[in-house]
Protein backbone atom coordinates (compact mmCIF):
# COMPACT_ATOMS: atom_id res chain seq x y z
CA MET A 1 20.05 24.50 -27.18
CA SER A 2 16.14 24.27 -27.29
CA ALA A 3 14.94 27.62 -26.23
CA LYS A 4 13.00 27.46 -23.26
CA PRO A 5 9.56 27.70 -23.03
CA ASP A 6 7.65 31.21 -22.95
CA ILE A 7 6.15 31.32 -19.51
CA ALA A 8 3.51 34.09 -20.38
CA LYS A 9 2.36 31.88 -23.13
CA LEU A 10 1.88 28.88 -21.32
CA ARG A 11 -0.28 30.94 -18.85
CA ILE A 12 -2.41 31.72 -21.52
CA ASP A 13 -2.73 28.38 -22.61
CA ILE A 14 -3.71 27.24 -19.05
CA ASP A 15 -5.94 29.79 -19.43
CA ARG A 16 -8.00 28.85 -22.46
CA VAL A 17 -7.69 25.26 -21.30
CA ASP A 18 -9.35 25.52 -17.90
CA ASN A 19 -12.05 27.91 -20.03
CA ALA A 20 -12.51 25.02 -21.90
CA LEU A 21 -12.87 22.48 -18.85
CA LEU A 22 -15.69 24.81 -17.31
CA ASP A 23 -17.51 25.07 -20.49
CA LEU A 24 -17.28 21.12 -20.77
CA ILE A 25 -18.39 20.79 -17.47
CA ALA A 26 -21.51 23.39 -18.00
CA GLU A 27 -22.21 21.28 -20.89
CA ARG A 28 -22.17 17.77 -18.78
CA LEU A 29 -24.43 19.03 -15.95
CA ASP A 30 -26.91 20.54 -18.23
CA LEU A 31 -27.36 16.88 -20.11
CA SER A 32 -27.16 15.15 -16.43
CA ALA A 33 -30.86 17.14 -15.69
CA LYS A 34 -32.06 15.77 -18.94
CA VAL A 35 -30.69 12.54 -17.68
CA ARG A 36 -32.81 12.50 -14.79
CA ALA A 37 -36.09 13.73 -16.90
CA SER A 38 -35.53 10.26 -19.16
CA LYS A 39 -34.76 7.94 -16.20
CA SER A 40 -39.17 7.71 -15.69
CA GLY A 41 -38.69 6.50 -11.85
CA MET A 42 -35.40 4.65 -11.84
CA ARG A 43 -33.16 5.20 -8.69
CA VAL A 44 -30.64 8.14 -9.20
CA TRP A 45 -27.57 6.02 -8.14
CA ARG A 46 -26.63 3.46 -10.45
CA PRO A 47 -23.59 1.69 -8.59
CA SER A 48 -22.54 -0.69 -11.57
CA ARG A 49 -22.88 2.11 -14.16
CA GLU A 50 -20.89 4.43 -12.33
CA GLU A 51 -18.18 2.01 -11.63
CA SER A 52 -18.52 0.71 -14.80
CA HIS A 53 -17.52 4.15 -16.61
CA VAL A 54 -14.77 5.09 -13.98
CA ARG A 55 -13.32 1.65 -14.83
CA ALA A 56 -13.19 2.90 -18.23
CA LEU A 57 -11.78 6.09 -18.45
CA ALA A 58 -9.20 5.36 -15.79
CA LYS A 59 -7.65 2.59 -18.45
CA ALA A 60 -8.00 5.05 -21.42
CA ALA A 61 -6.43 7.99 -19.47
CA VAL A 62 -2.97 6.61 -20.41
CA ASP A 63 -1.28 9.35 -19.11
CA THR A 64 -3.52 10.46 -15.81
CA SER A 65 -3.60 8.09 -13.02
CA PRO A 66 -6.39 6.06 -11.83
CA GLU A 67 -6.29 8.14 -8.33
CA LEU A 68 -6.75 11.36 -9.93
CA VAL A 69 -9.71 10.14 -12.87
CA SER A 70 -11.27 8.74 -9.72
CA ARG A 71 -11.66 12.27 -7.94
CA ILE A 72 -12.25 14.25 -10.61
CA MET A 73 -15.08 11.62 -11.60
CA ALA A 74 -16.46 11.78 -8.10
CA GLU A 75 -16.76 15.51 -8.01
CA LEU A 76 -18.18 15.85 -11.31
CA MET A 77 -20.59 12.44 -10.53
CA SER A 78 -21.95 14.21 -7.36
CA ALA A 79 -22.61 17.24 -8.74
CA SER A 80 -24.44 15.68 -11.47
CA LEU A 81 -26.58 13.16 -8.82
CA ALA A 82 -27.16 16.59 -6.75
CA ILE A 83 -28.91 17.80 -9.48
CA GLN A 84 -30.91 14.67 -10.38
CA GLY A 85 -32.82 13.75 -7.04
CA PRO A 86 -32.57 13.82 -3.12
CA MET A 87 -29.94 11.31 -2.97
CA VAL A 88 -28.26 11.46 0.99
CA LEU A 89 -25.68 9.83 2.22
CA HIS A 90 -26.40 8.11 5.75
CA ILE A 91 -22.95 7.46 7.22
CA ALA A 92 -21.99 5.71 10.13
CA LEU A 93 -18.15 5.15 10.73
CA GLU A 94 -15.79 4.56 13.14
CA GLY A 95 -12.64 6.28 13.59
CA ASP A 96 -11.26 9.72 13.07
CA ALA A 97 -13.73 11.89 11.78
CA LEU A 98 -11.61 13.97 9.12
CA THR A 99 -9.71 10.41 7.91
CA ASN A 100 -13.19 9.46 7.65
CA GLY A 101 -14.74 12.54 5.33
CA SER A 102 -11.81 12.62 3.21
CA LEU A 103 -12.63 8.33 2.82
CA VAL A 104 -16.21 9.50 2.13
CA ARG A 105 -15.27 12.80 0.07
CA ASP A 106 -12.94 10.69 -2.48
CA ARG A 107 -15.75 8.27 -3.35
CA PHE A 108 -18.83 10.53 -3.59
CA GLY A 109 -17.54 13.86 -3.62
CA ALA A 110 -19.02 16.92 -2.30
CA SER A 111 -22.13 17.52 -3.57
CA ILE A 112 -24.45 14.80 -1.91
CA PRO A 113 -25.61 15.81 1.04
CA THR A 114 -24.73 13.51 4.40
CA ARG A 115 -26.43 12.59 7.64
CA ASN A 116 -24.15 11.47 10.51
CA TYR A 117 -25.39 8.50 12.92
CA PRO A 118 -23.46 7.06 16.04
CA THR A 119 -24.38 3.36 14.75
CA THR A 120 -24.52 1.37 11.48
CA SER A 121 -28.22 0.08 12.20
CA ALA A 122 -29.38 3.87 13.10
CA ALA A 123 -27.66 5.01 9.45
CA LEU A 124 -29.18 1.58 7.30
CA ALA A 125 -32.84 2.49 9.36
CA ALA A 126 -32.36 5.78 7.60
CA THR A 127 -31.66 4.25 4.65
CA LEU A 128 -34.19 1.75 4.21
CA ALA A 129 -36.64 4.45 4.76
CA ASP A 130 -35.43 6.63 2.18
CA PRO A 131 -35.81 5.40 -1.40
CA GLU A 132 -32.61 7.68 -3.02
CA GLY A 133 -30.66 6.77 0.55
CA VAL A 134 -26.99 5.26 0.29
CA ALA A 135 -25.56 4.04 3.96
CA VAL A 136 -21.43 4.12 4.56
CA LEU A 137 -20.38 1.38 6.67
CA PRO A 138 -17.53 -0.06 8.01
CA ALA A 139 -16.39 -2.63 5.41
CA PRO A 140 -18.31 -6.30 7.25
CA GLY A 141 -15.37 -8.29 9.13
CA GLY A 142 -14.00 -8.18 12.72
CA MET A 143 -16.63 -6.51 15.20
CA ASN A 144 -18.69 -5.27 12.33
CA LYS A 145 -21.49 -8.02 12.22
CA TRP A 146 -24.08 -5.55 11.06
CA TRP A 147 -24.20 -7.29 7.63
CA ASN A 148 -26.33 -10.06 8.65
CA ALA A 149 -29.49 -7.63 9.37
CA LEU A 150 -29.45 -8.22 4.81
CA LEU A 151 -30.34 -11.78 5.11
CA PRO A 152 -33.62 -12.82 4.26
CA GLY A 153 -35.72 -12.01 7.48
CA GLY A 154 -33.35 -9.82 8.73
CA ALA A 155 -34.55 -6.14 9.68
CA MET A 156 -32.72 -4.80 6.60
CA ASP A 157 -33.60 -7.54 4.06
CA GLY A 158 -33.73 -5.74 0.76
CA LEU A 159 -30.39 -3.23 1.18
CA TYR A 160 -27.27 -4.73 -0.68
CA ILE A 161 -23.61 -3.43 -0.47
CA LEU A 162 -22.67 -2.25 -3.60
CA SER A 163 -19.48 -0.46 -3.76
CA GLY A 164 -16.37 -0.82 -1.96
CA LEU A 165 -14.15 2.77 -0.58
CA PRO A 166 -11.80 3.88 -1.38
CA ARG A 167 -12.28 3.22 -5.31
CA THR A 168 -8.79 3.31 -5.77
CA GLY A 169 -5.67 1.29 -3.85
CA ALA A 170 -3.80 -2.16 -3.74
CA GLN A 171 -6.23 -3.47 -1.40
CA ASP A 172 -8.02 -6.57 -1.69
CA TRP A 173 -10.83 -5.76 1.08
CA PRO A 174 -12.46 -2.32 1.17
CA GLN A 175 -12.07 0.40 4.19
CA ALA A 176 -15.84 1.13 4.50
CA VAL A 177 -19.01 -0.19 2.30
CA ALA A 178 -21.71 1.56 0.25
CA VAL A 179 -25.23 -0.30 0.73
CA ALA A 180 -28.69 1.03 -1.10
CA SER A 181 -31.71 -0.94 -2.13
CA ALA A 182 -30.41 -0.43 -6.26
CA ASP A 183 -30.23 -3.47 -7.87
CA ILE A 184 -27.30 -5.90 -7.74
CA ALA A 185 -25.71 -5.32 -11.17
CA PRO A 186 -22.12 -6.39 -12.55
CA SER A 187 -19.71 -3.54 -13.42
CA GLY A 188 -17.52 -5.78 -15.47
CA ASP A 189 -15.78 -9.31 -15.64
CA GLU A 190 -13.72 -8.53 -12.60
CA ASP A 191 -16.73 -7.81 -10.08
CA CYS A 192 -17.11 -10.81 -7.17
CA SER A 193 -20.19 -11.02 -5.24
CA LEU A 194 -20.75 -11.20 -1.43
CA VAL A 195 -22.42 -14.28 -0.52
CA ALA A 196 -23.65 -15.65 2.72
CA VAL A 197 -23.43 -18.87 3.99
CA LYS A 198 -24.58 -20.81 7.07
CA LEU A 199 -21.26 -21.63 9.14
CA ASN A 200 -21.85 -25.29 9.01
CA GLU A 201 -21.89 -25.66 5.04
CA ALA A 202 -18.18 -23.93 5.38
CA LYS A 203 -16.96 -27.54 3.89
CA ALA A 204 -19.62 -27.55 0.63
CA VAL A 205 -18.07 -23.86 0.00
CA SER A 206 -14.43 -24.99 -0.39
CA ARG A 207 -15.80 -27.62 -2.52
CA ALA A 208 -18.05 -25.52 -4.96
CA GLU A 209 -15.53 -22.51 -4.89
CA PRO A 210 -11.95 -23.34 -3.50
CA LYS A 211 -11.22 -19.40 -4.23
CA ALA A 212 -13.72 -18.06 -2.08
CA VAL A 213 -12.58 -15.98 1.01
CA PRO A 214 -14.18 -16.07 4.04
CA ARG A 215 -13.80 -12.46 5.31
CA ALA A 216 -16.53 -12.19 8.30
CA GLU A 217 -19.12 -14.35 10.51
CA ALA A 218 -21.60 -13.25 12.02
CA GLY A 219 -24.58 -15.45 13.85
CA ASP A 220 -24.74 -18.46 12.32
CA TYR A 221 -23.82 -16.93 8.92
CA ALA A 222 -20.37 -16.81 7.32
CA LEU A 223 -19.25 -14.24 4.56
CA TYR A 224 -17.56 -15.25 1.39
CA GLN A 225 -15.82 -13.00 -1.10
CA TRP A 226 -16.85 -15.04 -4.28
CA PRO A 227 -14.11 -15.08 -7.04
CA HIS A 228 -16.41 -13.85 -9.78
CA TYR A 229 -20.24 -12.31 -10.09
CA VAL A 230 -22.73 -14.47 -9.58
CA SER A 231 -25.77 -14.17 -11.41
CA ASP A 232 -29.41 -15.46 -10.48
CA SER A 233 -28.82 -18.52 -12.63
CA ASP A 234 -25.78 -19.40 -10.85
CA LEU A 235 -27.24 -18.86 -7.58
CA ALA A 236 -29.62 -21.51 -8.19
CA ALA A 237 -27.14 -23.61 -8.98
CA LEU A 238 -24.76 -23.33 -6.20
CA LYS A 239 -27.83 -23.83 -3.70
CA PHE A 240 -27.77 -27.68 -4.63
CA ASP A 241 -24.23 -28.13 -2.73
CA ILE A 242 -25.28 -24.59 -0.47
CA PRO A 243 -28.66 -24.69 0.09
CA SER A 244 -28.32 -21.86 2.92
CA ALA A 245 -26.52 -19.28 -0.33
CA HIS A 246 -27.66 -16.51 -0.44
CA ILE A 247 -25.92 -13.05 -2.30
CA ILE A 248 -26.31 -9.62 -0.22
CA GLY A 249 -24.29 -7.32 -2.61
CA VAL A 250 -21.56 -7.12 -5.32
CA LEU A 251 -17.85 -5.59 -5.14
CA PRO A 252 -16.12 -3.97 -8.17
CA PRO A 253 -12.26 -4.42 -7.96
CA SER A 254 -10.41 -2.04 -6.65
CA LEU A 255 -8.94 0.55 -9.42
CA GLY A 256 -5.23 -0.14 -8.99
CA ALA A 257 -5.36 -3.44 -7.10
CA SER A 258 -3.52 -6.58 -8.55
């Protein structure tokens, strides 16, 4: 029979690894401070870069669950973003405060300042006025019709849906979304675009993309989850068949979704 591991030695090894981790975290934060100096006016939060990086790490970490990778990186990136600039989360989520807090922390960590609002319109207005602000809102659907304010001529034109919360899980539609004025950009081949289309052009949507999934309706528009990322050139071609088509966001796939 093999001898039992020496518990004292194991604890020494754990302490050694923990100290090494702390040294690496300090190095990472130092590098983050230098990144801000090199960005030269670029936005602090770059969701496409963040999502692609976390997804690559989760794929490479064979013996670590995607959930744990996501949580660790959320905290590390949160600390890094707090160092890089005045980013603020403008939060308007309904329901249980504890559940909402866990949802936000799981995606954005605990270092970024937060402000809470009684309505989605108030959170969106604060985000529109804040160059580094990010709104966290209930996902479009049902009574959540705020997304039509992102359409051309809408009160919040210039803001886009750029990420879903939670980042991990088997869901194909998020509980909440992050909205900001950052550029729409893909984080990988599996991203889907959020395309708003006038209701009277619904049949044209079915012909142009049979796999498009209707997710919400508000006013004269329906919101579709396109099965792939729609580039500017793709949109120009799409408008020949669906003149009202307008992209209001992009969603990376959830880590763990089939």
